[in-house]
N, C-alpha and C. Protein backbone atom coordinates (compact mmCIF):
# COMPACT_ATOMS: atom_id res chain seq x y z
N UNK A 1 3.32 18.50 6.54
CA UNK A 1 2.97 18.72 5.15
C UNK A 1 1.49 19.04 4.98
N UNK A 2 0.65 18.34 5.72
CA UNK A 2 -0.79 18.52 5.55
C UNK A 2 -1.48 18.12 6.84
N UNK A 3 -2.32 18.96 7.39
CA UNK A 3 -2.96 18.69 8.66
C UNK A 3 -3.97 17.57 8.66
N UNK A 4 -4.35 17.08 7.48
CA UNK A 4 -5.34 15.99 7.42
C UNK A 4 -4.75 14.66 7.86
N UNK A 5 -3.44 14.51 7.77
CA UNK A 5 -2.81 13.21 7.99
C UNK A 5 -1.70 13.31 9.04
N UNK A 6 -1.60 12.27 9.84
CA UNK A 6 -0.52 12.16 10.79
C UNK A 6 0.80 12.03 10.02
N UNK A 7 1.88 12.49 10.61
CA UNK A 7 3.19 12.41 9.95
C UNK A 7 3.54 10.96 9.58
N UNK A 8 3.12 10.01 10.39
CA UNK A 8 3.42 8.60 10.11
C UNK A 8 2.77 8.13 8.81
N UNK A 9 1.65 8.74 8.43
CA UNK A 9 0.98 8.37 7.19
C UNK A 9 1.89 8.66 5.99
N UNK A 10 2.60 9.78 6.06
CA UNK A 10 3.49 10.14 4.96
C UNK A 10 4.63 9.14 4.82
N UNK A 11 5.24 8.78 5.95
CA UNK A 11 6.30 7.79 5.92
C UNK A 11 5.81 6.45 5.41
N UNK A 12 4.60 6.08 5.84
CA UNK A 12 4.07 4.78 5.44
C UNK A 12 3.74 4.74 3.95
N UNK A 13 3.19 5.81 3.41
CA UNK A 13 2.90 5.83 1.97
C UNK A 13 4.22 5.75 1.18
N UNK A 14 5.26 6.41 1.68
CA UNK A 14 6.58 6.29 1.05
C UNK A 14 7.08 4.86 1.06
N UNK A 15 6.92 4.19 2.21
CA UNK A 15 7.30 2.78 2.30
C UNK A 15 6.41 1.93 1.40
N UNK A 16 5.13 2.29 1.32
CA UNK A 16 4.21 1.57 0.44
C UNK A 16 4.61 1.67 -1.02
N UNK A 17 5.14 2.81 -1.42
CA UNK A 17 5.62 2.97 -2.79
C UNK A 17 6.80 2.02 -3.04
N UNK A 18 7.75 1.98 -2.11
CA UNK A 18 8.89 1.07 -2.28
C UNK A 18 8.43 -0.39 -2.27
N UNK A 19 7.46 -0.70 -1.41
CA UNK A 19 6.92 -2.06 -1.35
C UNK A 19 6.23 -2.42 -2.67
N UNK A 20 5.45 -1.48 -3.21
CA UNK A 20 4.78 -1.72 -4.50
C UNK A 20 5.81 -1.92 -5.61
N UNK A 21 6.88 -1.15 -5.59
CA UNK A 21 7.92 -1.31 -6.61
C UNK A 21 8.49 -2.73 -6.57
N UNK A 22 8.69 -3.26 -5.36
CA UNK A 22 9.16 -4.64 -5.24
C UNK A 22 8.11 -5.63 -5.73
N UNK A 23 6.85 -5.42 -5.32
CA UNK A 23 5.77 -6.34 -5.72
C UNK A 23 5.64 -6.44 -7.24
N UNK A 24 5.80 -5.31 -7.91
CA UNK A 24 5.57 -5.25 -9.36
C UNK A 24 6.87 -5.26 -10.17
N UNK A 25 7.99 -5.59 -9.52
CA UNK A 25 9.26 -5.75 -10.22
C UNK A 25 9.81 -4.46 -10.81
N UNK A 26 9.49 -3.35 -10.18
CA UNK A 26 9.95 -2.06 -10.71
C UNK A 26 11.10 -1.48 -9.89
N UNK A 27 11.66 -2.30 -9.01
CA UNK A 27 12.79 -1.86 -8.20
C UNK A 27 14.10 -2.45 -8.69
N UNK A 28 14.06 -3.13 -9.82
CA UNK A 28 15.23 -3.79 -10.38
C UNK A 28 16.13 -2.74 -11.04
N UNK A 29 17.42 -2.73 -10.69
CA UNK A 29 18.32 -1.77 -11.34
C UNK A 29 18.26 -1.91 -12.86
N UNK A 30 18.17 -0.78 -13.52
CA UNK A 30 18.11 -0.78 -14.98
C UNK A 30 16.73 -1.01 -15.55
N UNK A 31 15.73 -1.15 -14.67
CA UNK A 31 14.35 -1.35 -15.12
C UNK A 31 13.91 -0.12 -15.91
N UNK A 32 13.50 -0.34 -17.15
CA UNK A 32 13.13 0.79 -18.01
C UNK A 32 11.84 1.46 -17.55
N UNK A 33 10.88 0.67 -17.11
CA UNK A 33 9.57 1.21 -16.70
C UNK A 33 9.46 1.13 -15.19
N UNK A 34 9.71 2.25 -14.52
CA UNK A 34 9.67 2.29 -13.06
C UNK A 34 8.39 2.94 -12.54
N UNK A 35 7.56 3.44 -13.43
CA UNK A 35 6.34 4.14 -13.02
C UNK A 35 5.34 3.18 -12.40
N UNK A 36 4.75 3.60 -11.30
CA UNK A 36 3.68 2.83 -10.66
C UNK A 36 2.36 3.52 -10.93
N UNK A 37 1.34 2.75 -11.22
CA UNK A 37 0.00 3.31 -11.38
C UNK A 37 -0.60 3.56 -10.01
N UNK A 38 -1.69 4.30 -9.97
CA UNK A 38 -2.40 4.53 -8.72
C UNK A 38 -2.83 3.20 -8.10
N UNK A 39 -3.33 2.30 -8.92
CA UNK A 39 -3.77 0.99 -8.44
C UNK A 39 -2.61 0.23 -7.81
N UNK A 40 -1.45 0.26 -8.44
CA UNK A 40 -0.29 -0.44 -7.90
C UNK A 40 0.19 0.18 -6.59
N UNK A 41 0.16 1.50 -6.51
CA UNK A 41 0.58 2.16 -5.28
C UNK A 41 -0.36 1.82 -4.13
N UNK A 42 -1.66 1.84 -4.38
CA UNK A 42 -2.63 1.47 -3.35
C UNK A 42 -2.42 0.01 -2.95
N UNK A 43 -2.18 -0.85 -3.92
CA UNK A 43 -1.92 -2.27 -3.65
C UNK A 43 -0.71 -2.41 -2.72
N UNK A 44 0.34 -1.65 -2.99
CA UNK A 44 1.53 -1.70 -2.15
C UNK A 44 1.25 -1.25 -0.73
N UNK A 45 0.47 -0.19 -0.57
CA UNK A 45 0.13 0.31 0.76
C UNK A 45 -0.71 -0.72 1.52
N UNK A 46 -1.70 -1.28 0.86
CA UNK A 46 -2.56 -2.28 1.51
C UNK A 46 -1.79 -3.54 1.88
N UNK A 47 -0.95 -4.00 0.98
CA UNK A 47 -0.19 -5.21 1.23
C UNK A 47 0.78 -5.01 2.39
N UNK A 48 1.46 -3.87 2.40
CA UNK A 48 2.40 -3.58 3.48
C UNK A 48 1.67 -3.43 4.82
N UNK A 49 0.52 -2.80 4.82
CA UNK A 49 -0.25 -2.64 6.05
C UNK A 49 -0.67 -4.00 6.61
N UNK A 50 -1.17 -4.86 5.74
CA UNK A 50 -1.59 -6.20 6.19
C UNK A 50 -0.40 -6.99 6.72
N UNK A 51 0.74 -6.86 6.06
CA UNK A 51 1.94 -7.57 6.48
C UNK A 51 2.43 -7.06 7.83
N UNK A 52 2.46 -5.76 7.97
CA UNK A 52 3.04 -5.15 9.17
C UNK A 52 2.09 -5.13 10.37
N UNK A 53 0.81 -4.85 10.13
CA UNK A 53 -0.12 -4.61 11.24
C UNK A 53 -1.20 -5.67 11.38
N UNK A 54 -1.31 -6.60 10.44
CA UNK A 54 -2.28 -7.68 10.53
C UNK A 54 -3.70 -7.18 10.69
N UNK A 55 -4.42 -7.77 11.64
CA UNK A 55 -5.84 -7.44 11.84
C UNK A 55 -6.03 -6.01 12.36
N UNK A 56 -4.96 -5.35 12.77
CA UNK A 56 -5.06 -3.96 13.24
C UNK A 56 -4.80 -2.95 12.12
N UNK A 57 -4.61 -3.43 10.90
CA UNK A 57 -4.27 -2.57 9.78
C UNK A 57 -5.22 -1.39 9.60
N UNK A 58 -6.49 -1.68 9.55
CA UNK A 58 -7.46 -0.60 9.33
C UNK A 58 -7.40 0.41 10.46
N UNK A 59 -7.31 -0.06 11.69
CA UNK A 59 -7.25 0.83 12.85
C UNK A 59 -6.01 1.72 12.80
N UNK A 60 -4.87 1.16 12.48
CA UNK A 60 -3.63 1.93 12.41
C UNK A 60 -3.71 2.99 11.32
N UNK A 61 -4.09 2.58 10.12
CA UNK A 61 -4.17 3.55 9.02
C UNK A 61 -5.19 4.64 9.32
N UNK A 62 -6.33 4.24 9.86
CA UNK A 62 -7.38 5.22 10.19
C UNK A 62 -6.88 6.22 11.24
N UNK A 63 -6.08 5.74 12.19
CA UNK A 63 -5.56 6.64 13.23
C UNK A 63 -4.62 7.69 12.64
N UNK A 64 -4.08 7.40 11.47
CA UNK A 64 -3.21 8.35 10.76
C UNK A 64 -4.00 9.21 9.78
N UNK A 65 -5.31 8.96 9.66
CA UNK A 65 -6.14 9.72 8.72
C UNK A 65 -6.28 9.08 7.36
N UNK A 66 -5.80 7.84 7.21
CA UNK A 66 -5.84 7.15 5.92
C UNK A 66 -6.89 6.05 6.00
N UNK A 67 -7.99 6.23 5.26
CA UNK A 67 -9.06 5.23 5.32
C UNK A 67 -9.58 4.84 3.94
N UNK A 68 -9.00 5.42 2.89
CA UNK A 68 -9.47 5.09 1.54
C UNK A 68 -8.38 5.40 0.53
N UNK A 69 -8.56 4.91 -0.67
CA UNK A 69 -7.58 5.11 -1.73
C UNK A 69 -7.31 6.58 -2.01
N UNK A 70 -8.35 7.39 -1.89
CA UNK A 70 -8.19 8.82 -2.14
C UNK A 70 -7.20 9.46 -1.17
N UNK A 71 -7.11 8.94 0.05
CA UNK A 71 -6.13 9.45 1.01
C UNK A 71 -4.71 9.14 0.55
N UNK A 72 -4.51 7.93 0.03
CA UNK A 72 -3.20 7.58 -0.52
C UNK A 72 -2.88 8.51 -1.69
N UNK A 73 -3.88 8.79 -2.51
CA UNK A 73 -3.68 9.71 -3.63
C UNK A 73 -3.34 11.12 -3.18
N UNK A 74 -4.03 11.61 -2.17
CA UNK A 74 -3.74 12.96 -1.66
C UNK A 74 -2.32 13.06 -1.13
N UNK A 75 -1.89 12.06 -0.38
CA UNK A 75 -0.53 12.05 0.16
C UNK A 75 0.48 11.95 -0.98
N UNK A 76 0.20 11.09 -1.94
CA UNK A 76 1.09 10.93 -3.08
C UNK A 76 1.27 12.25 -3.83
N UNK A 77 0.17 12.95 -4.06
CA UNK A 77 0.26 14.21 -4.79
C UNK A 77 0.88 15.33 -3.96
N UNK A 78 0.80 15.25 -2.65
CA UNK A 78 1.55 16.19 -1.81
C UNK A 78 3.05 15.93 -1.96
N UNK A 79 3.44 14.66 -2.01
CA UNK A 79 4.84 14.32 -2.27
C UNK A 79 5.28 14.85 -3.63
N UNK A 80 4.43 14.73 -4.63
CA UNK A 80 4.75 15.21 -5.97
C UNK A 80 4.93 16.73 -5.95
N UNK A 81 4.00 17.43 -5.31
CA UNK A 81 4.08 18.89 -5.22
C UNK A 81 5.37 19.37 -4.56
N UNK A 82 5.89 18.57 -3.63
CA UNK A 82 7.10 18.95 -2.91
C UNK A 82 8.36 18.33 -3.53
N UNK A 83 8.23 17.73 -4.71
CA UNK A 83 9.38 17.20 -5.43
C UNK A 83 9.95 15.91 -4.88
N UNK A 84 9.20 15.21 -4.03
CA UNK A 84 9.68 13.96 -3.43
C UNK A 84 9.39 12.78 -4.36
N UNK A 85 8.19 12.74 -4.93
CA UNK A 85 7.82 11.75 -5.94
C UNK A 85 7.72 12.50 -7.26
N UNK A 86 7.76 11.75 -8.34
CA UNK A 86 7.53 12.34 -9.67
C UNK A 86 6.29 11.71 -10.27
N UNK A 87 5.82 12.29 -11.34
CA UNK A 87 4.62 11.75 -11.99
C UNK A 87 4.76 11.89 -13.49
N UNK A 88 3.92 11.15 -14.18
CA UNK A 88 3.82 11.29 -15.62
C UNK A 88 2.72 12.30 -15.92
N UNK A 89 2.75 12.86 -17.10
CA UNK A 89 1.76 13.88 -17.47
C UNK A 89 0.33 13.37 -17.35
N UNK A 90 0.12 12.09 -17.55
CA UNK A 90 -1.23 11.52 -17.51
C UNK A 90 -1.71 11.20 -16.10
N UNK A 91 -0.83 11.25 -15.09
CA UNK A 91 -1.21 10.92 -13.72
C UNK A 91 -2.09 12.02 -13.12
N UNK A 92 -3.17 11.59 -12.47
CA UNK A 92 -4.09 12.53 -11.83
C UNK A 92 -4.48 11.99 -10.46
N UNK A 93 -4.76 12.88 -9.54
CA UNK A 93 -5.17 12.44 -8.21
C UNK A 93 -6.47 11.65 -8.29
N UNK A 94 -7.29 11.94 -9.28
CA UNK A 94 -8.55 11.21 -9.47
C UNK A 94 -8.34 9.74 -9.80
N UNK A 95 -7.13 9.38 -10.24
CA UNK A 95 -6.84 7.97 -10.55
C UNK A 95 -6.97 7.09 -9.31
N UNK A 96 -6.91 7.69 -8.13
CA UNK A 96 -7.00 6.94 -6.89
C UNK A 96 -8.43 6.70 -6.43
N UNK A 97 -9.39 7.29 -7.12
CA UNK A 97 -10.79 7.25 -6.67
C UNK A 97 -11.44 5.87 -6.78
N UNK A 98 -10.90 4.99 -7.58
CA UNK A 98 -11.58 3.71 -7.82
C UNK A 98 -10.98 2.56 -7.01
N UNK A 99 -10.25 2.86 -5.95
CA UNK A 99 -9.64 1.81 -5.15
C UNK A 99 -10.64 1.05 -4.30
N UNK A 100 -10.19 -0.04 -3.73
CA UNK A 100 -11.08 -0.87 -2.90
C UNK A 100 -11.41 -0.21 -1.58
N UNK A 101 -12.48 -0.67 -0.95
CA UNK A 101 -12.81 -0.23 0.41
C UNK A 101 -11.75 -0.82 1.34
N UNK A 102 -11.08 0.05 2.07
CA UNK A 102 -9.94 -0.40 2.87
C UNK A 102 -10.32 -1.40 3.95
N UNK A 103 -11.40 -1.17 4.68
CA UNK A 103 -11.75 -2.06 5.80
C UNK A 103 -11.85 -3.51 5.39
N UNK A 104 -12.76 -3.85 4.48
CA UNK A 104 -12.90 -5.25 4.07
C UNK A 104 -11.64 -5.81 3.40
N UNK A 105 -10.98 -5.00 2.61
CA UNK A 105 -9.78 -5.45 1.90
C UNK A 105 -8.65 -5.78 2.89
N UNK A 106 -8.43 -4.91 3.85
CA UNK A 106 -7.37 -5.15 4.84
C UNK A 106 -7.69 -6.36 5.71
N UNK A 107 -8.95 -6.51 6.10
CA UNK A 107 -9.35 -7.67 6.92
C UNK A 107 -9.13 -8.97 6.15
N UNK A 108 -9.49 -8.98 4.88
CA UNK A 108 -9.30 -10.18 4.06
C UNK A 108 -7.82 -10.52 3.91
N UNK A 109 -7.01 -9.52 3.65
CA UNK A 109 -5.57 -9.77 3.48
C UNK A 109 -4.95 -10.28 4.78
N UNK A 110 -5.35 -9.69 5.90
CA UNK A 110 -4.80 -10.13 7.19
C UNK A 110 -5.21 -11.57 7.48
N UNK A 111 -6.48 -11.91 7.21
CA UNK A 111 -6.95 -13.29 7.41
C UNK A 111 -6.16 -14.27 6.54
N UNK A 112 -5.93 -13.89 5.29
CA UNK A 112 -5.18 -14.77 4.38
C UNK A 112 -3.76 -15.01 4.89
N UNK A 113 -3.15 -13.96 5.41
CA UNK A 113 -1.79 -14.10 5.96
C UNK A 113 -1.79 -15.01 7.17
N UNK A 114 -2.77 -14.85 8.04
CA UNK A 114 -2.87 -15.70 9.24
C UNK A 114 -3.09 -17.15 8.83
N UNK A 115 -4.01 -17.39 7.91
CA UNK A 115 -4.28 -18.75 7.45
C UNK A 115 -3.05 -19.38 6.82
N UNK A 116 -2.32 -18.61 6.03
CA UNK A 116 -1.09 -19.12 5.40
C UNK A 116 -0.06 -19.51 6.44
N UNK A 117 0.07 -18.69 7.48
CA UNK A 117 1.03 -19.01 8.55
C UNK A 117 0.61 -20.26 9.31
N UNK A 118 -0.68 -20.40 9.55
CA UNK A 118 -1.17 -21.58 10.27
C UNK A 118 -0.91 -22.83 9.44
N UNK A 119 -1.25 -22.76 8.17
CA UNK A 119 -1.04 -23.92 7.29
C UNK A 119 0.43 -24.26 7.20
N UNK A 120 1.28 -23.25 7.09
CA UNK A 120 2.72 -23.48 6.98
C UNK A 120 3.29 -24.07 8.26
N UNK A 121 2.64 -23.83 9.39
CA UNK A 121 3.17 -24.34 10.67
C UNK A 121 2.76 -25.78 10.94
N UNK A 122 1.81 -26.31 10.19
CA UNK A 122 1.36 -27.68 10.39
C UNK A 122 2.33 -28.61 9.66
N UNK A 123 2.97 -29.54 10.37
CA UNK A 123 3.92 -30.45 9.73
C UNK A 123 3.29 -31.18 8.54
N UNK A 124 3.97 -31.17 7.43
CA UNK A 124 3.48 -31.88 6.24
C UNK A 124 2.53 -31.08 5.38
N UNK A 125 1.88 -30.05 5.93
CA UNK A 125 0.89 -29.26 5.17
C UNK A 125 1.55 -28.29 4.20
N UNK A 126 2.67 -27.76 4.54
CA UNK A 126 3.33 -26.75 3.70
C UNK A 126 3.70 -27.35 2.35
N UNK A 127 3.99 -28.63 2.30
CA UNK A 127 4.39 -29.28 1.05
C UNK A 127 3.20 -29.69 0.19
N UNK A 128 2.03 -29.86 0.79
CA UNK A 128 0.87 -30.36 0.06
C UNK A 128 0.27 -29.32 -0.87
N UNK A 129 0.18 -28.04 -0.44
CA UNK A 129 -0.57 -27.01 -1.12
C UNK A 129 -0.09 -26.66 -2.43
């Protein structure tokens, strides 16, 4: 689709969209409002990356050419251009410009997941929190 990104980046952004729909309750059958904002889509991609790749999240995404919110936006709008995703009239690729810095955000999310798993594995600790 686009030489800037590895083919896996496209699949992952698609998975990130489905993950974001679950996170924000927009995957429920009959849900009237299924539209995801740029912020929600980026959130889904970051959350899925941290879940799937942990501390290697930034490295994996970067190896696919995805290192910032604008990359998620570019891939999303390529999907829109090819009729794979749809958009509302107010949606713009520029909506992705204000996302978080991926490196620090992914590292923080991965650390939080690791800490949660450690706490949950300590007998008696999972019930206290």
